Amino acid sequence: MLKDYGVDVQRLFLEMMLEDAQGYVRVQNIYNPENFERSLRPAAEFIKEHGDKYKTLPDRTQIAATTGIKLQPVPELNEGHFEWFMTEFESFTRRQELERAILKAADLLEKGDYDPVEKLIKDAVQISLTKDMGTDYFADPAGRIRKYFESGGQVSTGWPQMDRLLYGGFSRGELNIFAGGSGSGKSLVMMNIALNWVQQQGLSGVYITLELSEELTSLRTDAMLTNMSTKDIRKDIDTAELKVKLVAKKSGNYQVKGLPAQSNINDIRAYLKEYQIQTGKRVDFVMIDYLDLLMPVSAKVSPNDLFVKDKYVSEELRNLAKELQMLMVTASQLNRSAVEEVEFDHSHISGGISKINTADNVFGILTSRSMKERGKYQIQCMKSRSSTGVGQKIDLEYNIDTMRITDAGGDDANNGFRKPSSVMESIKARASVAPADASPPVKWERGQPKPGVDPLDPTPKISADVQSNKLKELLGKIKTS
């Protein structure tokens, strides 16, 4: 049954606010004078203006003198009355805001301006009082930590080196960006991670391509999955089909969808919703190839203003990932200044730093024709909110025929990360110092020339075994001197 929030109820709301300043403060974030009837709106506006300016509620006499509206005191109110007020005022505000949003949306639809409509309705429906008080830091430290690492959605990338760098992998609700130059393999990196998730972990997801066709994207994935080159697949389609179907029996669902460039986040959201309704399949991850080809919904921006455009697009992508609690991976272009570079930083990202500020993890892809021919790919961590991996480099193996990227060095003692070598690590437990052409040691007899010493040149040549304890003593003396 639809509740009637007539003028008497609305008057009671204002009168109860004046009885308890704390009650007004609790509803202040959703309080909008426009929601009240015209006969009460001047009083509602005066209460808000006075509270914002003077940080205290006005007296009833002030309201009557200023607006001509007389509000009566409400005696003998207890906690239960104010709980009713909170619940009903929230419901009243949501209904009024939704009603106004629908009317405004109708005008926008007549003008053909469709993009803001969804946001208007969504904002109105989501109006609520703040009931979540956050996390009590000291209450349950162990539970709080477990919640982050377990329910936080840490998902392995399939590459052990990257998992260690990110303390376990990617998290649901976060935005991850791979940046690379033209032809660097941004799409290949995302396809490989998607295949790792589908094949190794049984996750289900969607690969949205705004650049390549669905067929080419799928063919590249065929090569990675079947361990056959695209030439071999063309020659033996039946074998490729058999291998794909065998993998499909023990893998998650994987959908490849092509959307036109200049699509927006609403197009992606609508597709994901329709896909889930029609198939009944969940979506654990979304790959978007790639961010630079999307347009924002929340603001009208010129495609030439890359900084602002990418700022809104990246924010909308991250919000979608949080809203649907899914893994979100996309790519971005590096600018011209990165062509000859081997060390990437924020200045090399096309469109500027706006998308980096929004993203949770940003990786640079370093490769070249010679590196690909040698079967090498390098991933550089440019930003990470959840780990200390910034500046780390990961070397991966690349199969030029099948386009499969694997982590061959993931189990090394140094975790596979490229780090500066330590001086102390280079010191061996036993060191031998000798000339380059040194021969095996010769037993020396008294009265005979010493080995390594020229009788005509009394300067001795160094030939000695240095024990580790002597080396430590020497280093100790150097430190204390």
Protein backbone atom coordinates (compact mmCIF):
# COMPACT_ATOMS: atom_id res chain seq x y z
CA MET A 1 0.00 0.00 0.00
CA LEU A 2 1.34 3.42 -1.04
CA LYS A 3 1.83 5.65 1.98
CA ASP A 4 0.32 9.12 1.95
CA TYR A 5 2.83 11.77 2.93
CA GLY A 6 0.39 14.66 2.90
CA VAL A 7 0.89 18.17 4.17
CA ASP A 8 0.13 17.21 7.78
CA VAL A 9 2.81 14.51 7.83
CA GLN A 10 5.31 16.83 6.18
CA ARG A 11 4.54 19.52 8.77
CA LEU A 12 5.13 16.94 11.51
CA PHE A 13 8.54 16.10 9.99
CA LEU A 14 9.60 19.76 10.28
CA GLU A 15 8.24 20.07 13.81
CA MET A 16 10.09 16.93 14.96
CA MET A 17 13.35 18.24 13.44
CA LEU A 18 13.03 21.37 15.55
CA GLU A 19 12.55 19.26 18.70
CA ASP A 20 15.88 17.46 18.31
CA ALA A 21 18.93 18.97 16.62
CA GLN A 22 20.58 15.52 16.48
CA GLY A 23 17.65 14.21 14.47
CA TYR A 24 18.10 17.01 11.94
CA VAL A 25 21.83 16.30 11.68
CA ARG A 26 21.14 12.59 11.03
CA VAL A 27 18.83 13.35 8.07
CA GLN A 28 20.81 16.31 6.77
CA ASN A 29 22.47 14.35 3.94
CA ILE A 30 19.08 13.57 2.32
CA TYR A 31 17.18 16.70 3.40
CA ASN A 32 15.91 18.64 0.37
CA PRO A 33 13.38 21.51 0.82
CA GLU A 34 12.06 20.90 -2.72
CA ASN A 35 10.47 17.66 -1.52
CA PHE A 36 7.97 19.55 0.66
CA GLU A 37 4.60 20.93 -0.37
CA ARG A 38 4.62 24.51 -1.64
CA SER A 39 2.83 25.76 1.48
CA LEU A 40 5.64 24.38 3.69
CA ARG A 41 8.61 24.89 1.37
CA PRO A 42 9.54 28.42 2.65
CA ALA A 43 9.86 27.04 6.21
CA ALA A 44 11.86 24.02 4.99
CA GLU A 45 14.20 26.31 3.05
CA PHE A 46 14.65 28.66 6.01
CA ILE A 47 15.53 25.77 8.34
CA LYS A 48 18.21 24.54 5.90
CA GLU A 49 19.68 27.98 5.22
CA HIS A 50 19.77 28.89 8.91
CA GLY A 51 21.34 25.55 9.86
CA ASP A 52 24.02 25.78 7.13
CA LYS A 53 24.92 29.38 7.96
CA TYR A 54 24.71 29.49 11.75
CA LYS A 55 25.24 25.79 12.59
CA THR A 56 22.11 25.74 14.74
CA LEU A 57 18.38 25.28 14.14
CA PRO A 58 16.16 28.38 14.07
CA ASP A 59 13.53 29.07 16.70
CA ARG A 60 9.85 28.64 15.82
CA THR A 61 9.34 32.37 16.37
CA GLN A 62 12.05 33.13 13.79
CA ILE A 63 10.40 30.79 11.27
CA ALA A 64 6.97 32.35 11.82
CA ALA A 65 8.31 35.90 11.55
CA THR A 66 10.33 35.15 8.42
CA THR A 67 8.02 32.84 6.49
CA GLY A 68 4.60 33.28 8.10
CA ILE A 69 4.42 29.52 8.78
CA LYS A 70 3.70 28.50 12.37
CA LEU A 71 5.20 25.18 13.49
CA GLN A 72 4.02 23.78 16.82
CA PRO A 73 6.09 22.08 19.52
CA VAL A 74 5.71 18.29 19.84
CA PRO A 75 5.89 17.37 23.54
CA GLU A 76 6.91 14.11 25.20
CA LEU A 77 8.84 12.53 22.34
CA ASN A 78 10.94 9.47 23.10
CA GLU A 79 13.51 7.39 21.21
CA GLY A 80 10.84 5.29 19.52
CA HIS A 81 9.22 8.40 18.04
CA PHE A 82 12.50 9.50 16.53
CA GLU A 83 13.17 6.03 15.08
CA TRP A 84 9.77 6.33 13.34
CA PHE A 85 10.77 9.76 12.09
CA MET A 86 14.06 8.43 10.61
CA THR A 87 12.37 5.55 8.82
CA GLU A 88 9.46 7.54 7.43
CA PHE A 89 11.52 10.57 6.44
CA GLU A 90 13.90 8.33 4.46
CA SER A 91 10.98 6.70 2.65
CA PHE A 92 9.34 10.09 2.00
CA THR A 93 12.54 11.58 0.58
CA ARG A 94 13.20 8.59 -1.69
CA ARG A 95 9.68 8.71 -3.10
CA GLN A 96 9.76 12.45 -3.73
CA GLU A 97 13.20 12.32 -5.38
CA LEU A 98 12.19 9.37 -7.57
CA GLU A 99 9.00 11.12 -8.66
CA ARG A 100 10.92 14.24 -9.64
CA ALA A 101 13.60 12.16 -11.41
CA ILE A 102 10.96 10.37 -13.51
CA LEU A 103 9.41 13.67 -14.60
CA LYS A 104 12.82 15.06 -15.49
CA ALA A 105 13.73 11.85 -17.34
CA ALA A 106 10.61 12.17 -19.48
CA ASP A 107 11.73 15.62 -20.62
CA LEU A 108 15.21 14.31 -21.41
CA LEU A 109 13.83 11.39 -23.40
CA GLU A 110 11.70 13.77 -25.50
CA LYS A 111 14.87 15.70 -26.33
CA GLY A 112 16.71 12.49 -27.22
CA ASP A 113 19.18 12.89 -24.35
CA TYR A 114 19.24 9.31 -23.01
CA ASP A 115 22.56 9.07 -21.18
CA PRO A 116 21.71 10.97 -17.94
CA VAL A 117 18.37 9.15 -17.45
CA GLU A 118 19.77 6.03 -15.81
CA LYS A 119 21.90 8.04 -13.38
CA LEU A 120 18.91 10.21 -12.39
CA ILE A 121 16.74 7.19 -11.54
CA LYS A 122 19.57 5.27 -9.90
CA ASP A 123 20.55 8.19 -7.64
CA ALA A 124 16.93 8.62 -6.52
CA VAL A 125 16.44 4.92 -5.73
CA GLN A 126 19.69 4.73 -3.77
CA ILE A 127 18.83 7.59 -1.39
CA SER A 128 19.19 6.38 2.20
CA LEU A 129 20.36 7.43 5.62
CA THR A 130 23.84 6.42 6.69
CA LYS A 131 23.39 3.22 8.70
CA ASP A 132 26.75 1.55 8.08
CA MET A 133 29.10 2.88 10.74
CA GLY A 134 32.21 1.45 9.08
CA THR A 135 34.82 -0.82 10.62
CA ASP A 136 35.63 -0.86 14.32
CA TYR A 137 39.41 -1.08 13.94
CA PHE A 138 40.15 -2.63 17.36
CA ALA A 139 37.11 -4.94 17.61
CA ASP A 140 38.28 -7.95 15.56
CA PRO A 141 41.70 -7.51 13.93
CA ALA A 142 42.00 -11.13 12.76
CA GLY A 143 38.53 -11.12 11.22
CA ARG A 144 39.17 -7.76 9.57
CA ILE A 145 42.42 -9.01 8.01
CA ARG A 146 40.85 -12.27 6.82
CA LYS A 147 37.98 -10.34 5.27
CA TYR A 148 40.42 -8.33 3.18
CA PHE A 149 42.50 -11.28 1.97
CA GLU A 150 39.69 -13.81 1.61
CA SER A 151 36.38 -12.13 0.88
CA GLY A 152 38.23 -9.25 -0.76
CA GLY A 153 38.38 -11.42 -3.88
CA GLN A 154 42.10 -11.99 -4.40
CA VAL A 155 42.25 -13.99 -7.64
CA SER A 156 45.45 -15.42 -9.10
CA THR A 157 46.47 -14.08 -12.51
CA GLY A 158 47.95 -17.45 -13.47
CA TRP A 159 51.43 -15.92 -13.39
CA PRO A 160 53.12 -16.64 -10.01
CA GLN A 161 55.48 -13.67 -10.30
CA MET A 162 52.61 -11.22 -10.69
CA ASP A 163 50.64 -12.90 -7.91
CA ARG A 164 53.52 -12.43 -5.48
CA LEU A 165 53.94 -8.82 -6.57
CA LEU A 166 50.22 -8.16 -5.90
CA TYR A 167 50.10 -10.22 -2.69
CA GLY A 168 47.88 -12.86 -4.25
CA GLY A 169 46.54 -11.46 -7.51
CA PHE A 170 43.80 -9.09 -8.65
CA SER A 171 40.84 -8.16 -6.42
CA ARG A 172 37.19 -7.90 -7.33
CA GLY A 173 35.87 -4.36 -7.55
CA GLU A 174 39.21 -2.90 -8.67
CA LEU A 175 40.36 -1.42 -11.98
CA ASN A 176 43.51 -2.87 -13.55
CA ILE A 177 45.17 -1.28 -16.58
CA PHE A 178 47.85 -2.64 -18.91
CA ALA A 179 49.55 0.16 -20.86
CA GLY A 180 51.60 -0.39 -23.99
CA GLY A 181 52.49 1.12 -27.31
CA SER A 182 50.87 0.20 -30.61
CA GLY A 183 51.56 -3.46 -31.36
CA SER A 184 53.02 -4.14 -27.92
CA GLY A 185 50.52 -6.88 -27.19
CA LYS A 186 47.99 -5.25 -24.84
CA SER A 187 45.24 -7.47 -26.22
CA LEU A 188 47.43 -10.58 -25.99
CA VAL A 189 48.20 -9.94 -22.33
CA MET A 190 44.50 -9.59 -21.50
CA MET A 191 43.55 -12.65 -23.57
CA ASN A 192 46.19 -14.72 -21.77
CA ILE A 193 44.98 -13.66 -18.33
CA ALA A 194 41.37 -14.34 -19.36
CA LEU A 195 42.38 -17.81 -20.54
CA ASN A 196 44.23 -18.42 -17.25
CA TRP A 197 41.08 -17.53 -15.30
CA VAL A 198 38.75 -19.60 -17.49
CA GLN A 199 40.99 -22.64 -17.86
CA GLN A 200 42.90 -22.82 -14.57
CA GLN A 201 40.36 -21.44 -12.09
CA GLY A 202 37.02 -22.14 -13.73
CA LEU A 203 35.94 -18.48 -13.67
CA SER A 204 33.41 -17.17 -16.18
CA GLY A 205 33.82 -13.89 -17.97
CA VAL A 206 33.35 -11.65 -20.97
CA TYR A 207 35.96 -10.21 -23.32
CA ILE A 208 34.64 -6.96 -24.83
CA THR A 209 36.57 -5.81 -27.87
CA LEU A 210 36.14 -2.32 -29.27
CA GLU A 211 38.95 -2.70 -31.81
CA LEU A 212 39.36 -6.29 -33.08
CA SER A 213 36.57 -8.42 -34.48
CA GLU A 214 34.99 -11.16 -32.40
CA GLU A 215 36.31 -13.76 -34.84
CA LEU A 216 39.94 -12.59 -34.73
CA THR A 217 39.86 -12.29 -30.94
CA SER A 218 38.49 -15.83 -30.72
CA LEU A 219 41.04 -17.18 -33.21
CA ARG A 220 43.92 -15.80 -31.15
CA THR A 221 42.46 -17.47 -28.07
CA ASP A 222 42.17 -20.72 -30.09
CA ALA A 223 45.92 -20.59 -30.76
CA MET A 224 46.71 -20.02 -27.08
CA LEU A 225 44.38 -22.75 -25.88
CA THR A 226 45.22 -25.46 -28.45
CA ASN A 227 48.97 -24.78 -28.61
CA MET A 228 48.63 -24.51 -32.39
CA SER A 229 49.63 -21.59 -34.58
CA THR A 230 46.89 -19.85 -36.54
CA LYS A 231 48.38 -21.34 -39.73
CA ASP A 232 48.12 -24.85 -38.26
CA ILE A 233 44.54 -24.16 -37.14
CA ARG A 234 43.60 -23.13 -40.65
CA LYS A 235 45.05 -26.39 -42.01
CA ASP A 236 43.44 -28.59 -39.38
CA ILE A 237 40.23 -26.99 -38.12
CA ASP A 238 38.82 -30.32 -36.87
CA THR A 239 41.73 -30.90 -34.47
CA ALA A 240 41.49 -27.34 -33.17
CA GLU A 241 37.75 -27.76 -32.60
CA LEU A 242 38.29 -31.03 -30.71
CA LYS A 243 40.89 -29.44 -28.41
CA VAL A 244 38.68 -26.44 -27.69
CA LYS A 245 35.68 -28.63 -26.86
CA LEU A 246 37.76 -30.84 -24.56
CA VAL A 247 38.92 -27.79 -22.59
CA ALA A 248 35.38 -26.39 -22.49
CA LYS A 249 34.17 -29.38 -20.45
CA LYS A 250 36.33 -28.44 -17.47
CA SER A 251 36.50 -24.63 -17.80
CA GLY A 252 34.37 -21.63 -16.97
CA ASN A 253 32.17 -19.85 -19.51
CA TYR A 254 33.84 -17.38 -21.87
CA GLN A 255 32.03 -14.91 -24.10
CA VAL A 256 33.60 -12.63 -26.72
CA LYS A 257 31.57 -9.55 -27.61
CA GLY A 258 32.39 -6.81 -30.09
CA LEU A 259 31.11 -3.29 -29.44
CA PRO A 260 31.66 -0.23 -31.63
CA ALA A 261 34.28 2.32 -30.66
CA GLN A 262 32.83 5.30 -28.74
CA SER A 263 30.58 2.97 -26.74
CA ASN A 264 30.01 3.89 -23.10
CA ILE A 265 29.65 2.21 -19.73
CA ASN A 266 25.86 1.96 -20.10
CA ASP A 267 26.31 -0.09 -23.26
CA ILE A 268 28.59 -2.46 -21.34
CA ARG A 269 26.29 -2.65 -18.31
CA ALA A 270 23.25 -3.31 -20.50
CA TYR A 271 25.06 -6.08 -22.37
CA LEU A 272 26.26 -7.77 -19.18
CA LYS A 273 22.74 -7.66 -17.71
CA GLU A 274 21.18 -9.07 -20.88
CA TYR A 275 23.84 -11.78 -21.09
CA GLN A 276 23.16 -12.91 -17.53
CA ILE A 277 19.37 -12.88 -18.05
CA GLN A 278 19.45 -14.82 -21.33
CA THR A 279 22.08 -17.40 -20.34
CA GLY A 280 21.68 -17.57 -16.56
CA LYS A 281 25.48 -17.54 -16.30
CA ARG A 282 27.43 -15.48 -13.83
CA VAL A 283 30.16 -13.02 -14.85
CA ASP A 284 33.30 -13.13 -12.70
CA PHE A 285 35.47 -10.90 -14.87
CA VAL A 286 35.31 -8.42 -17.74
CA MET A 287 38.13 -7.61 -20.14
CA ILE A 288 37.69 -4.34 -22.06
CA ASP A 289 39.90 -3.84 -25.09
CA TYR A 290 40.39 -0.98 -24.56
CA LEU A 291 39.73 2.05 -22.28
CA ASP A 292 40.84 4.76 -24.72
CA LEU A 293 38.02 3.82 -27.13
CA LEU A 294 35.23 4.35 -24.57
CA MET A 295 33.26 7.54 -24.02
CA PRO A 296 31.93 8.77 -20.62
CA VAL A 297 28.27 8.84 -19.60
CA SER A 298 28.36 11.15 -16.60
CA ALA A 299 29.56 14.17 -18.58
CA LYS A 300 29.65 15.39 -22.16
CA VAL A 301 33.30 15.64 -23.10
CA SER A 302 35.03 16.29 -26.38
CA PRO A 303 36.93 13.20 -27.65
CA ASN A 304 39.94 15.50 -28.08
CA ASP A 305 40.08 16.30 -24.36
CA LEU A 306 41.76 13.02 -23.43
CA PHE A 307 42.58 13.95 -19.83
CA VAL A 308 38.97 14.69 -18.84
CA LYS A 309 37.49 11.94 -21.03
CA ASP A 310 39.75 9.24 -19.59
CA LYS A 311 39.15 10.52 -16.05
CA TYR A 312 35.39 10.00 -16.32
CA VAL A 313 35.69 6.70 -18.22
CA SER A 314 38.13 5.18 -15.72
CA GLU A 315 35.94 6.29 -12.79
CA GLU A 316 32.87 4.75 -14.42
CA LEU A 317 34.69 1.48 -15.13
CA ARG A 318 35.88 1.23 -11.54
CA ASN A 319 32.37 2.01 -10.24
CA LEU A 320 30.97 -0.76 -12.45
CA ALA A 321 33.55 -3.21 -11.09
CA LYS A 322 32.58 -2.29 -7.51
CA GLU A 323 28.86 -2.36 -8.27
CA LEU A 324 29.00 -5.87 -9.77
CA GLN A 325 31.91 -7.07 -7.60
CA MET A 326 33.82 -8.43 -10.56
CA LEU A 327 37.39 -8.46 -11.85
CA MET A 328 37.94 -5.59 -14.29
CA VAL A 329 40.92 -5.46 -16.65
CA THR A 330 41.44 -3.01 -19.48
CA ALA A 331 44.27 -1.49 -21.51
CA SER A 332 45.52 1.94 -22.48
CA GLN A 333 47.88 3.41 -25.04
CA LEU A 334 51.35 4.72 -24.26
CA ASN A 335 52.23 8.05 -25.87
CA ARG A 336 55.03 8.84 -28.33
CA SER A 337 57.54 9.70 -25.63
CA ALA A 338 57.53 6.05 -24.52
CA VAL A 339 58.64 4.64 -27.90
CA GLU A 340 62.36 4.59 -27.15
CA GLU A 341 62.03 4.10 -23.39
CA VAL A 342 62.77 0.94 -21.44
CA GLU A 343 61.64 2.36 -18.07
CA PHE A 344 58.02 3.56 -18.03
CA ASP A 345 56.50 6.14 -15.70
CA HIS A 346 53.22 8.08 -15.43
CA SER A 347 54.28 10.62 -18.07
CA HIS A 348 54.24 7.91 -20.74
CA ILE A 349 50.51 7.18 -20.42
CA SER A 350 48.40 8.58 -23.24
CA GLY A 351 45.87 11.12 -21.95
CA GLY A 352 47.84 11.95 -18.82
CA ILE A 353 47.69 10.93 -15.21
CA SER A 354 43.90 11.04 -14.70
CA LYS A 355 43.32 7.34 -15.40
CA ILE A 356 46.33 6.33 -13.28
CA ASN A 357 44.90 8.25 -10.32
CA THR A 358 41.70 6.21 -10.58
CA ALA A 359 43.15 2.76 -11.33
CA ASP A 360 44.18 0.36 -8.57
CA ASN A 361 46.97 -1.31 -10.57
CA VAL A 362 48.77 -0.05 -13.67
CA PHE A 363 51.33 -2.09 -15.63
CA GLY A 364 53.55 -1.14 -18.53
CA ILE A 365 54.24 -3.67 -21.29
CA LEU A 366 57.80 -3.64 -22.65
CA THR A 367 58.45 -5.66 -25.77
CA SER A 368 59.95 -5.36 -29.23
CA ARG A 369 60.30 -7.48 -32.35
CA SER A 370 63.63 -8.86 -31.17
CA MET A 371 62.21 -9.62 -27.71
CA LYS A 372 59.25 -11.43 -29.24
CA GLU A 373 61.56 -13.44 -31.48
CA ARG A 374 63.55 -14.45 -28.38
CA GLY A 375 60.28 -15.31 -26.64
CA LYS A 376 60.38 -12.54 -24.02
CA TYR A 377 57.81 -10.16 -22.54
CA GLN A 378 58.38 -7.75 -19.68
CA ILE A 379 55.68 -6.32 -17.39
CA GLN A 380 56.57 -3.25 -15.31
CA CYS A 381 54.48 -2.28 -12.28
CA MET A 382 53.80 1.45 -12.51
CA LYS A 383 51.19 1.71 -9.74
CA SER A 384 49.72 -0.60 -7.12
CA ARG A 385 47.40 0.42 -4.29
CA SER A 386 47.47 -2.93 -2.51
CA SER A 387 51.17 -3.84 -2.64
CA THR A 388 54.70 -2.45 -2.67
CA GLY A 389 55.43 -3.73 -6.17
CA VAL A 390 55.88 -0.34 -7.86
CA GLY A 391 59.07 -0.37 -9.91
CA GLN A 392 59.28 -4.17 -10.07
CA LYS A 393 59.75 -5.88 -13.41
CA ILE A 394 58.44 -9.31 -14.35
CA ASP A 395 59.99 -11.31 -17.19
CA LEU A 396 57.59 -13.69 -18.95
CA GLU A 397 57.98 -16.26 -21.70
CA TYR A 398 56.23 -15.73 -25.04
CA ASN A 399 55.50 -18.29 -27.76
CA ILE A 400 55.49 -16.38 -31.03
CA ASP A 401 53.48 -19.10 -32.83
CA THR A 402 50.69 -19.69 -30.32
CA MET A 403 50.86 -16.20 -28.69
CA ARG A 404 50.78 -17.87 -25.25
CA ILE A 405 52.42 -15.89 -22.44
CA THR A 406 53.62 -18.01 -19.54
CA ASP A 407 55.55 -17.55 -16.33
CA ALA A 408 58.64 -19.74 -16.62
CA GLY A 409 60.60 -18.03 -13.85
CA GLY A 410 57.88 -17.97 -11.24
CA ASP A 411 59.54 -20.40 -8.85
CA ASP A 412 62.98 -18.84 -8.75
CA ALA A 413 64.49 -18.08 -5.34
CA ASN A 414 64.24 -14.36 -6.01
CA ASN A 415 60.56 -14.65 -6.90
CA GLY A 416 61.31 -13.86 -10.51
CA PHE A 417 61.45 -10.08 -9.91
CA ARG A 418 64.21 -8.08 -11.52
CA LYS A 419 66.02 -6.43 -8.60
CA PRO A 420 69.42 -4.75 -8.26
CA SER A 421 72.03 -7.27 -7.15
CA SER A 422 73.33 -6.96 -3.61
CA VAL A 423 77.05 -6.53 -2.96
CA MET A 424 76.91 -8.86 0.02
CA GLU A 425 75.12 -11.52 -2.03
CA SER A 426 77.98 -11.47 -4.53
CA ILE A 427 80.53 -12.36 -1.85
CA LYS A 428 81.11 -16.11 -1.86
CA ALA A 429 81.94 -18.24 1.13
CA ARG A 430 85.30 -19.02 -0.52
CA ALA A 431 87.00 -16.73 -3.03
CA SER A 432 90.08 -17.37 -5.12
CA VAL A 433 92.20 -14.46 -6.31
CA ALA A 434 94.66 -15.27 -9.06
CA PRO A 435 95.93 -13.99 -12.40
CA ALA A 436 93.81 -14.78 -15.43
CA ASP A 437 96.33 -17.34 -16.74
CA ALA A 438 96.95 -18.93 -13.35
CA SER A 439 98.10 -22.54 -13.46
CA PRO A 440 97.38 -25.20 -10.79
CA PRO A 441 99.25 -24.64 -7.50
CA VAL A 442 102.81 -26.03 -7.41
CA LYS A 443 104.47 -27.32 -4.24
CA TRP A 444 107.31 -24.98 -3.25
CA GLU A 445 110.61 -26.21 -1.77
CA ARG A 446 112.89 -23.97 0.27
CA GLY A 447 115.77 -22.59 -1.85
CA GLN A 448 113.71 -22.67 -5.04
CA PRO A 449 112.03 -19.63 -6.66
CA LYS A 450 108.47 -19.19 -5.36
CA PRO A 451 105.76 -19.99 -7.83
CA GLY A 452 104.36 -16.89 -9.48
CA VAL A 453 107.47 -14.82 -8.64
CA ASP A 454 109.88 -13.78 -11.40
CA PRO A 455 113.48 -13.90 -10.07
CA LEU A 456 114.26 -10.79 -12.12
CA ASP A 457 111.15 -9.03 -10.77
CA PRO A 458 110.83 -9.39 -7.00
CA THR A 459 107.23 -8.03 -7.02
CA PRO A 460 105.13 -11.06 -6.15
CA LYS A 461 102.14 -12.06 -8.22
CA ILE A 462 98.96 -12.63 -6.18
CA SER A 463 97.91 -16.26 -5.93
CA ALA A 464 95.99 -17.09 -2.77
CA ASP A 465 92.92 -18.77 -1.39
CA VAL A 466 90.97 -16.47 0.84
CA GLN A 467 88.95 -18.14 3.55
CA SER A 468 85.57 -16.73 4.36
CA ASN A 469 86.43 -15.99 8.01
CA LYS A 470 89.46 -13.92 6.95
CA LEU A 471 87.30 -12.02 4.46
CA LYS A 472 84.81 -11.26 7.23
CA GLU A 473 87.63 -10.00 9.49
CA LEU A 474 88.89 -7.77 6.70
CA LEU A 475 85.40 -6.34 6.07
CA GLY A 476 85.04 -5.76 9.82
CA LYS A 477 88.25 -3.77 9.95
CA ILE A 478 87.15 -1.68 6.97
CA LYS A 479 83.85 -0.83 8.69
CA THR A 480 85.49 0.15 11.98
CA SER A 481 88.26 2.22 10.41
